[in-house]
């Protein structure tokens, strides 16, 4: 889906990819397309530094999509 986009234009990332910015990201669905179980409140939004890997939703033991919410200084 994103094979032709660069990391600087991409705004949706999957578990295991590296963050291209220091930023806040929001949970945007599971990789397998399921809707349950819901992530915990603490897992819905994360802050990552440049080059940190996107985590799975640990409470569900599932990989997921993360969407850029806001870049940070």
N, C-alpha and C. Protein backbone atom coordinates (compact mmCIF):
# COMPACT_ATOMS: atom_id res chain seq x y z
N UNK A 1 0.81 -1.19 0.00
CA UNK A 1 0.00 0.00 0.00
C UNK A 1 0.86 1.26 0.00
N UNK A 2 1.94 1.27 0.77
CA UNK A 2 2.78 2.45 0.88
C UNK A 2 4.15 2.27 0.24
N UNK A 3 4.33 1.26 -0.58
CA UNK A 3 5.66 0.96 -1.09
C UNK A 3 6.29 2.10 -1.89
N UNK A 4 5.47 3.00 -2.45
CA UNK A 4 6.00 4.09 -3.25
C UNK A 4 6.09 5.41 -2.48
N UNK A 5 5.65 5.43 -1.24
CA UNK A 5 5.71 6.65 -0.45
C UNK A 5 7.01 6.70 0.33
N UNK A 6 7.52 7.88 0.53
CA UNK A 6 8.69 8.03 1.38
C UNK A 6 8.22 8.16 2.82
N UNK A 7 9.11 7.94 3.76
CA UNK A 7 8.74 8.03 5.17
C UNK A 7 8.34 9.46 5.54
N UNK A 8 8.75 10.44 4.77
CA UNK A 8 8.41 11.82 5.10
C UNK A 8 7.01 12.21 4.65
N UNK A 9 6.38 11.45 3.75
CA UNK A 9 5.01 11.75 3.33
C UNK A 9 4.02 10.75 3.91
N UNK A 10 4.50 9.65 4.39
CA UNK A 10 3.66 8.60 4.95
C UNK A 10 3.11 9.04 6.30
N UNK A 11 1.84 8.77 6.58
CA UNK A 11 1.25 9.14 7.87
C UNK A 11 0.66 7.95 8.61
N UNK A 12 0.73 6.76 8.03
CA UNK A 12 0.20 5.56 8.68
C UNK A 12 1.30 4.50 8.69
N UNK A 13 1.51 3.90 9.86
CA UNK A 13 2.63 2.99 10.06
C UNK A 13 2.14 1.73 10.75
N UNK A 14 2.86 0.63 10.52
CA UNK A 14 2.49 -0.65 11.14
C UNK A 14 3.50 -1.04 12.21
N UNK A 15 3.07 -1.92 13.08
CA UNK A 15 3.94 -2.46 14.12
C UNK A 15 5.26 -2.93 13.50
N UNK A 16 6.37 -2.55 14.14
CA UNK A 16 7.69 -2.96 13.68
C UNK A 16 8.40 -1.92 12.83
N UNK A 17 7.67 -1.01 12.18
CA UNK A 17 8.32 0.04 11.40
C UNK A 17 8.95 1.06 12.34
N UNK A 18 9.85 1.88 11.80
CA UNK A 18 10.51 2.92 12.59
C UNK A 18 9.82 4.26 12.40
N UNK A 19 9.73 5.00 13.48
CA UNK A 19 9.13 6.33 13.43
C UNK A 19 10.08 7.29 12.70
N UNK A 20 9.56 8.03 11.70
CA UNK A 20 10.42 8.98 10.99
C UNK A 20 10.56 10.32 11.71
N UNK A 21 9.80 10.49 12.80
CA UNK A 21 9.83 11.75 13.56
C UNK A 21 9.66 11.48 15.04
N UNK A 22 9.98 12.50 15.84
CA UNK A 22 9.53 12.53 17.23
C UNK A 22 8.10 13.02 17.15
N UNK A 23 7.13 12.18 17.53
CA UNK A 23 5.73 12.53 17.30
C UNK A 23 4.78 11.73 18.18
N UNK A 24 3.53 12.18 18.19
CA UNK A 24 2.44 11.45 18.82
C UNK A 24 1.70 10.69 17.73
N UNK A 25 1.36 9.44 18.02
CA UNK A 25 0.64 8.59 17.08
C UNK A 25 -0.58 8.00 17.78
N UNK A 26 -1.62 7.77 17.01
CA UNK A 26 -2.84 7.17 17.55
C UNK A 26 -3.11 5.82 16.89
N UNK A 27 -3.62 4.90 17.71
CA UNK A 27 -4.03 3.58 17.23
C UNK A 27 -5.01 3.76 16.08
N UNK A 28 -4.81 2.97 14.99
CA UNK A 28 -5.67 3.12 13.81
C UNK A 28 -6.13 1.76 13.26
N UNK A 29 -6.25 0.78 14.13
CA UNK A 29 -6.78 -0.52 13.73
C UNK A 29 -5.74 -1.63 13.80
N UNK A 30 -6.25 -2.84 13.84
CA UNK A 30 -5.38 -4.01 13.89
C UNK A 30 -4.98 -4.44 12.48
N UNK A 31 -3.80 -5.00 12.36
CA UNK A 31 -3.30 -5.46 11.05
C UNK A 31 -4.18 -6.55 10.46
N UNK A 32 -4.79 -7.37 11.31
CA UNK A 32 -5.62 -8.47 10.80
C UNK A 32 -7.04 -8.03 10.45
N UNK A 33 -7.35 -6.74 10.62
CA UNK A 33 -8.66 -6.22 10.28
C UNK A 33 -9.72 -6.40 11.36
N UNK A 34 -9.38 -7.07 12.45
CA UNK A 34 -10.36 -7.26 13.52
C UNK A 34 -10.58 -5.97 14.29
N UNK A 35 -11.68 -5.91 15.03
CA UNK A 35 -12.01 -4.71 15.80
C UNK A 35 -11.92 -4.94 17.30
N UNK A 36 -11.73 -6.17 17.71
CA UNK A 36 -11.66 -6.46 19.14
C UNK A 36 -10.43 -7.29 19.44
N UNK A 37 -9.95 -7.26 20.67
CA UNK A 37 -10.39 -6.42 21.78
C UNK A 37 -9.89 -4.99 21.61
N UNK A 38 -10.56 -4.07 22.25
CA UNK A 38 -10.13 -2.67 22.19
C UNK A 38 -8.83 -2.49 22.95
N UNK A 39 -7.95 -1.61 22.46
CA UNK A 39 -6.73 -1.29 23.21
C UNK A 39 -7.09 -0.60 24.52
N UNK A 40 -6.22 -0.69 25.50
CA UNK A 40 -6.43 0.04 26.75
C UNK A 40 -6.28 1.54 26.46
N UNK A 41 -6.75 2.36 27.37
CA UNK A 41 -6.66 3.81 27.21
C UNK A 41 -5.21 4.26 27.02
N UNK A 42 -4.29 3.63 27.73
CA UNK A 42 -2.87 3.99 27.64
C UNK A 42 -2.26 3.60 26.30
N UNK A 43 -2.86 2.62 25.64
CA UNK A 43 -2.32 2.13 24.36
C UNK A 43 -2.87 2.87 23.14
N UNK A 44 -3.86 3.70 23.32
CA UNK A 44 -4.50 4.37 22.17
C UNK A 44 -3.65 5.49 21.57
N UNK A 45 -2.80 6.09 22.36
CA UNK A 45 -1.92 7.16 21.86
C UNK A 45 -0.53 6.94 22.43
N UNK A 46 0.48 7.05 21.58
CA UNK A 46 1.86 6.83 22.01
C UNK A 46 2.74 7.98 21.52
N UNK A 47 3.82 8.20 22.24
CA UNK A 47 4.84 9.15 21.80
C UNK A 47 6.08 8.35 21.45
N UNK A 48 6.59 8.56 20.24
CA UNK A 48 7.81 7.87 19.82
C UNK A 48 8.87 8.90 19.42
N UNK A 49 10.10 8.55 19.67
CA UNK A 49 11.24 9.35 19.22
C UNK A 49 11.59 8.91 17.80
N UNK A 50 12.39 9.69 17.12
CA UNK A 50 12.90 9.33 15.81
C UNK A 50 13.58 7.96 15.88
N UNK A 51 13.27 7.08 14.95
CA UNK A 51 13.85 5.74 14.82
C UNK A 51 13.36 4.70 15.83
N UNK A 52 12.45 5.06 16.73
CA UNK A 52 11.87 4.04 17.62
C UNK A 52 10.90 3.18 16.82
N UNK A 53 10.79 1.91 17.17
CA UNK A 53 9.87 1.02 16.48
C UNK A 53 8.45 1.15 17.01
N UNK A 54 7.48 1.07 16.09
CA UNK A 54 6.07 1.08 16.48
C UNK A 54 5.76 -0.23 17.18
N UNK A 55 5.13 -0.15 18.36
CA UNK A 55 4.86 -1.35 19.14
C UNK A 55 3.55 -2.03 18.74
N UNK A 56 3.38 -3.28 19.17
CA UNK A 56 2.07 -3.93 19.04
C UNK A 56 1.16 -3.43 20.16
N UNK A 57 -0.09 -3.83 20.11
CA UNK A 57 -0.99 -3.62 21.24
C UNK A 57 -0.77 -4.81 22.16
N UNK A 58 -0.03 -4.58 23.22
CA UNK A 58 0.39 -5.67 24.08
C UNK A 58 -0.78 -6.36 24.79
N UNK A 59 -1.79 -5.59 25.18
CA UNK A 59 -2.93 -6.19 25.89
C UNK A 59 -3.69 -7.17 25.01
N UNK A 60 -3.58 -7.03 23.69
CA UNK A 60 -4.26 -7.93 22.76
C UNK A 60 -3.29 -8.88 22.06
N UNK A 61 -1.99 -8.66 22.26
CA UNK A 61 -0.95 -9.44 21.58
C UNK A 61 -1.14 -9.41 20.06
N UNK A 62 -1.39 -8.18 19.53
CA UNK A 62 -1.64 -8.02 18.09
C UNK A 62 -0.85 -6.85 17.52
N UNK A 63 -0.44 -7.03 16.26
CA UNK A 63 0.15 -5.93 15.52
C UNK A 63 -0.95 -4.97 15.09
N UNK A 64 -0.57 -3.71 14.88
CA UNK A 64 -1.59 -2.73 14.55
C UNK A 64 -1.04 -1.62 13.65
N UNK A 65 -1.95 -0.76 13.23
CA UNK A 65 -1.63 0.45 12.48
C UNK A 65 -1.59 1.63 13.44
N UNK A 66 -0.65 2.54 13.18
CA UNK A 66 -0.54 3.79 13.94
C UNK A 66 -0.64 4.95 12.96
N UNK A 67 -1.39 5.96 13.33
CA UNK A 67 -1.56 7.14 12.46
C UNK A 67 -0.93 8.35 13.13
N UNK A 68 -0.19 9.12 12.33
CA UNK A 68 0.43 10.34 12.86
C UNK A 68 -0.64 11.29 13.37
N UNK A 69 -0.48 11.74 14.60
CA UNK A 69 -1.40 12.72 15.18
C UNK A 69 -0.76 14.10 15.16
N UNK A 70 0.49 14.18 15.68
CA UNK A 70 1.16 15.48 15.75
C UNK A 70 2.67 15.29 15.87
N UNK A 71 3.40 16.01 15.06
CA UNK A 71 4.87 16.00 15.20
C UNK A 71 5.25 16.87 16.39
N UNK A 72 6.32 16.47 17.07
CA UNK A 72 6.80 17.17 18.26
C UNK A 72 8.19 17.73 17.99
N UNK A 73 8.54 18.79 18.70
CA UNK A 73 9.89 19.37 18.50
C UNK A 73 11.00 18.47 19.01
